[in-house]
């Protein structure tokens, strides 16, 4: 893996960051904030990874999926307390505070969407 900037993916990551920020600020609770936000954060992380590295579609997707699963599974533990971050709103916003099976489903659907778009829609010949 080499570091290499890709402006297309970085622009997509920036736009998704703004969408996520909007959802966090005015999204309230429910489907949009929790499920759609989790779905989009996987795509955001993927775009950020692809925007900064030479990793391919499958490698980037797997890394993002494993990362999001790990963070979600850590929510079953008091890891924010271990890191002395349980009172920090930003840490709770980024890492979450409660485990949810629907979050795992949203992450998985996000990665599946990435794989379908990248291999079947945007680049069907080389897949």
C-alpha atoms as a PDB file:
ATOM      1  CA  UNK A   1       0.000   0.000   0.000  1.00  0.00           C
ATOM      2  CA  UNK A   2       1.282   3.398  -0.970  1.00  0.00           C
ATOM      3  CA  UNK A   3      -0.044   6.787  -0.030  1.00  0.00           C
ATOM      4  CA  UNK A   4      -1.440   8.554  -3.053  1.00  0.00           C
ATOM      5  CA  UNK A   5      -4.131  11.202  -3.252  1.00  0.00           C
ATOM      6  CA  UNK A   6      -7.160  10.718  -5.467  1.00  0.00           C
ATOM      7  CA  UNK A   7      -9.178  13.911  -5.699  1.00  0.00           C
ATOM      8  CA  UNK A   8     -12.365  12.181  -6.862  1.00  0.00           C
ATOM      9  CA  UNK A   9     -12.577   9.937  -3.797  1.00  0.00           C
ATOM     10  CA  UNK A  10     -11.486  12.750  -1.479  1.00  0.00           C
ATOM     11  CA  UNK A  11     -14.229  15.007  -2.854  1.00  0.00           C
ATOM     12  CA  UNK A  12     -16.760  12.221  -2.351  1.00  0.00           C
ATOM     13  CA  UNK A  13     -15.491  11.733   1.216  1.00  0.00           C
ATOM     14  CA  UNK A  14     -15.795  15.468   1.912  1.00  0.00           C
ATOM     15  CA  UNK A  15     -19.353  15.604   0.571  1.00  0.00           C
ATOM     16  CA  UNK A  16     -20.329  12.534   2.610  1.00  0.00           C
ATOM     17  CA  UNK A  17     -18.715  14.094   5.688  1.00  0.00           C
ATOM     18  CA  UNK A  18     -20.911  17.175   5.234  1.00  0.00           C
ATOM     19  CA  UNK A  19     -23.984  14.940   4.850  1.00  0.00           C
ATOM     20  CA  UNK A  20     -23.031  13.008   8.001  1.00  0.00           C
ATOM     21  CA  UNK A  21     -22.442  16.250   9.877  1.00  0.00           C
ATOM     22  CA  UNK A  22     -25.855  17.517   8.801  1.00  0.00           C
ATOM     23  CA  UNK A  23     -27.481  14.270   9.917  1.00  0.00           C
ATOM     24  CA  UNK A  24     -25.698  14.457  13.286  1.00  0.00           C
ATOM     25  CA  UNK A  25     -26.703  18.073  13.882  1.00  0.00           C
ATOM     26  CA  UNK A  26     -30.306  18.097  12.671  1.00  0.00           C
ATOM     27  CA  UNK A  27     -31.084  14.413  12.161  1.00  0.00           C
ATOM     28  CA  UNK A  28     -32.504  13.822  15.604  1.00  0.00           C
ATOM     29  CA  UNK A  29     -32.944  10.121  16.112  1.00  0.00           C
ATOM     30  CA  UNK A  30     -34.481   7.211  14.302  1.00  0.00           C
ATOM     31  CA  UNK A  31     -33.832   5.718  10.894  1.00  0.00           C
ATOM     32  CA  UNK A  32     -32.061   8.670   9.268  1.00  0.00           C
ATOM     33  CA  UNK A  33     -29.547   9.267  12.032  1.00  0.00           C
ATOM     34  CA  UNK A  34     -28.882   5.709  13.060  1.00  0.00           C
ATOM     35  CA  UNK A  35     -29.371   3.419  10.073  1.00  0.00           C
ATOM     36  CA  UNK A  36     -28.791   5.762   7.135  1.00  0.00           C
ATOM     37  CA  UNK A  37     -25.931   7.431   9.014  1.00  0.00           C
ATOM     38  CA  UNK A  38     -24.251   4.054   9.570  1.00  0.00           C
ATOM     39  CA  UNK A  39     -24.787   3.092   5.932  1.00  0.00           C
ATOM     40  CA  UNK A  40     -23.227   6.346   4.730  1.00  0.00           C
ATOM     41  CA  UNK A  41     -20.316   6.295   7.176  1.00  0.00           C
ATOM     42  CA  UNK A  42     -19.062   3.064   5.599  1.00  0.00           C
ATOM     43  CA  UNK A  43     -19.063   4.737   2.196  1.00  0.00           C
ATOM     44  CA  UNK A  44     -17.355   7.804   3.699  1.00  0.00           C
ATOM     45  CA  UNK A  45     -14.586   5.695   5.242  1.00  0.00           C
ATOM     46  CA  UNK A  46     -14.167   3.778   1.996  1.00  0.00           C
ATOM     47  CA  UNK A  47     -13.887   6.997  -0.024  1.00  0.00           C
ATOM     48  CA  UNK A  48     -11.378   8.390   2.457  1.00  0.00           C
ATOM     49  CA  UNK A  49      -9.260   5.230   2.291  1.00  0.00           C
ATOM     50  CA  UNK A  50      -9.382   5.108  -1.511  1.00  0.00           C
ATOM     51  CA  UNK A  51      -8.682   8.844  -1.639  1.00  0.00           C
ATOM     52  CA  UNK A  52      -5.449   8.503   0.332  1.00  0.00           C
ATOM     53  CA  UNK A  53      -4.038   5.117  -0.709  1.00  0.00           C
ATOM     54  CA  UNK A  54      -3.488   2.897  -3.712  1.00  0.00           C
ATOM     55  CA  UNK A  55      -5.544   0.070  -2.181  1.00  0.00           C
ATOM     56  CA  UNK A  56      -8.042  -1.554  -4.510  1.00  0.00           C
ATOM     57  CA  UNK A  57     -11.795  -1.910  -4.258  1.00  0.00           C
ATOM     58  CA  UNK A  58     -11.851  -5.282  -2.483  1.00  0.00           C
ATOM     59  CA  UNK A  59      -9.033  -4.522  -0.034  1.00  0.00           C
ATOM     60  CA  UNK A  60     -10.485  -1.153   0.905  1.00  0.00           C
ATOM     61  CA  UNK A  61     -13.964  -2.611   1.319  1.00  0.00           C
ATOM     62  CA  UNK A  62     -12.723  -5.395   3.567  1.00  0.00           C
ATOM     63  CA  UNK A  63     -10.659  -3.028   5.717  1.00  0.00           C
ATOM     64  CA  UNK A  64     -13.598  -0.664   6.191  1.00  0.00           C
ATOM     65  CA  UNK A  65     -15.988  -3.509   6.965  1.00  0.00           C
ATOM     66  CA  UNK A  66     -13.638  -5.054   9.534  1.00  0.00           C
ATOM     67  CA  UNK A  67     -13.004  -1.649  11.104  1.00  0.00           C
ATOM     68  CA  UNK A  68     -16.701  -0.829  11.452  1.00  0.00           C
ATOM     69  CA  UNK A  69     -17.498  -4.296  12.804  1.00  0.00           C
ATOM     70  CA  UNK A  70     -14.698  -3.907  15.349  1.00  0.00           C
ATOM     71  CA  UNK A  71     -15.932  -0.520  16.522  1.00  0.00           C
ATOM     72  CA  UNK A  72     -19.467  -1.885  16.785  1.00  0.00           C
ATOM     73  CA  UNK A  73     -18.341  -4.938  18.759  1.00  0.00           C
ATOM     74  CA  UNK A  74     -16.300  -2.700  21.070  1.00  0.00           C
ATOM     75  CA  UNK A  75     -19.605  -1.091  22.026  1.00  0.00           C
ATOM     76  CA  UNK A  76     -20.387  -4.306  23.885  1.00  0.00           C
ATOM     77  CA  UNK A  77     -17.556  -3.370  26.246  1.00  0.00           C
ATOM     78  CA  UNK A  78     -16.960  -0.252  28.361  1.00  0.00           C
ATOM     79  CA  UNK A  79     -14.016   0.708  26.115  1.00  0.00           C
ATOM     80  CA  UNK A  80     -14.774   4.449  26.279  1.00  0.00           C
ATOM     81  CA  UNK A  81     -14.501   4.212  30.057  1.00  0.00           C
ATOM     82  CA  UNK A  82     -11.167   2.382  29.742  1.00  0.00           C
ATOM     83  CA  UNK A  83      -9.905   5.235  27.562  1.00  0.00           C
ATOM     84  CA  UNK A  84     -11.392   7.815  29.953  1.00  0.00           C
ATOM     85  CA  UNK A  85     -13.603   9.156  27.147  1.00  0.00           C
ATOM     86  CA  UNK A  86     -17.076   8.268  28.392  1.00  0.00           C
ATOM     87  CA  UNK A  87     -17.896  11.913  29.160  1.00  0.00           C
ATOM     88  CA  UNK A  88     -16.697  13.223  25.792  1.00  0.00           C
ATOM     89  CA  UNK A  89     -19.594  13.882  23.447  1.00  0.00           C
ATOM     90  CA  UNK A  90     -17.437  13.715  20.320  1.00  0.00           C
ATOM     91  CA  UNK A  91     -16.009  10.313  21.300  1.00  0.00           C
ATOM     92  CA  UNK A  92     -19.514   8.974  21.921  1.00  0.00           C
ATOM     93  CA  UNK A  93     -20.679  10.423  18.603  1.00  0.00           C
ATOM     94  CA  UNK A  94     -17.805   8.893  16.625  1.00  0.00           C
ATOM     95  CA  UNK A  95     -17.573   5.517  18.353  1.00  0.00           C
ATOM     96  CA  UNK A  96     -21.164   5.161  19.475  1.00  0.00           C
ATOM     97  CA  UNK A  97     -22.266   3.931  22.829  1.00  0.00           C
ATOM     98  CA  UNK A  98     -24.675   1.074  22.206  1.00  0.00           C
ATOM     99  CA  UNK A  99     -24.314  -2.088  20.157  1.00  0.00           C
ATOM    100  CA  UNK A 100     -26.946  -2.715  17.512  1.00  0.00           C
ATOM    101  CA  UNK A 101     -27.445  -5.575  15.090  1.00  0.00           C
ATOM    102  CA  UNK A 102     -29.055  -3.136  12.644  1.00  0.00           C
ATOM    103  CA  UNK A 103     -25.781  -1.197  12.636  1.00  0.00           C
ATOM    104  CA  UNK A 104     -23.966  -4.326  11.454  1.00  0.00           C
ATOM    105  CA  UNK A 105     -26.614  -4.760   8.751  1.00  0.00           C
ATOM    106  CA  UNK A 106     -26.204  -1.112   7.667  1.00  0.00           C
ATOM    107  CA  UNK A 107     -22.406  -1.485   7.471  1.00  0.00           C
ATOM    108  CA  UNK A 108     -22.754  -4.662   5.440  1.00  0.00           C
ATOM    109  CA  UNK A 109     -25.265  -3.102   3.044  1.00  0.00           C
ATOM    110  CA  UNK A 110     -22.989  -0.082   2.656  1.00  0.00           C
ATOM    111  CA  UNK A 111     -20.045  -2.254   1.653  1.00  0.00           C
ATOM    112  CA  UNK A 112     -22.220  -4.345  -0.672  1.00  0.00           C
ATOM    113  CA  UNK A 113     -23.390  -1.116  -2.317  1.00  0.00           C
ATOM    114  CA  UNK A 114     -19.777  -0.033  -2.766  1.00  0.00           C
ATOM    115  CA  UNK A 115     -18.818  -3.349  -4.321  1.00  0.00           C
ATOM    116  CA  UNK A 116     -21.781  -3.323  -6.696  1.00  0.00           C
ATOM    117  CA  UNK A 117     -21.160   0.269  -7.758  1.00  0.00           C
ATOM    118  CA  UNK A 118     -17.408  -0.132  -8.141  1.00  0.00           C
ATOM    119  CA  UNK A 119     -17.407  -3.483  -9.930  1.00  0.00           C
ATOM    120  CA  UNK A 120     -20.677  -3.542 -11.869  1.00  0.00           C
ATOM    121  CA  UNK A 121     -21.567   0.085 -12.550  1.00  0.00           C
ATOM    122  CA  UNK A 122     -18.420   2.222 -12.657  1.00  0.00           C
ATOM    123  CA  UNK A 123     -15.891  -0.352 -13.848  1.00  0.00           C
ATOM    124  CA  UNK A 124     -17.665  -3.471 -15.177  1.00  0.00           C
ATOM    125  CA  UNK A 125     -14.997  -4.506 -17.699  1.00  0.00           C
ATOM    126  CA  UNK A 126     -12.047  -4.909 -15.311  1.00  0.00           C
ATOM    127  CA  UNK A 127     -13.991  -6.721 -12.569  1.00  0.00           C
END
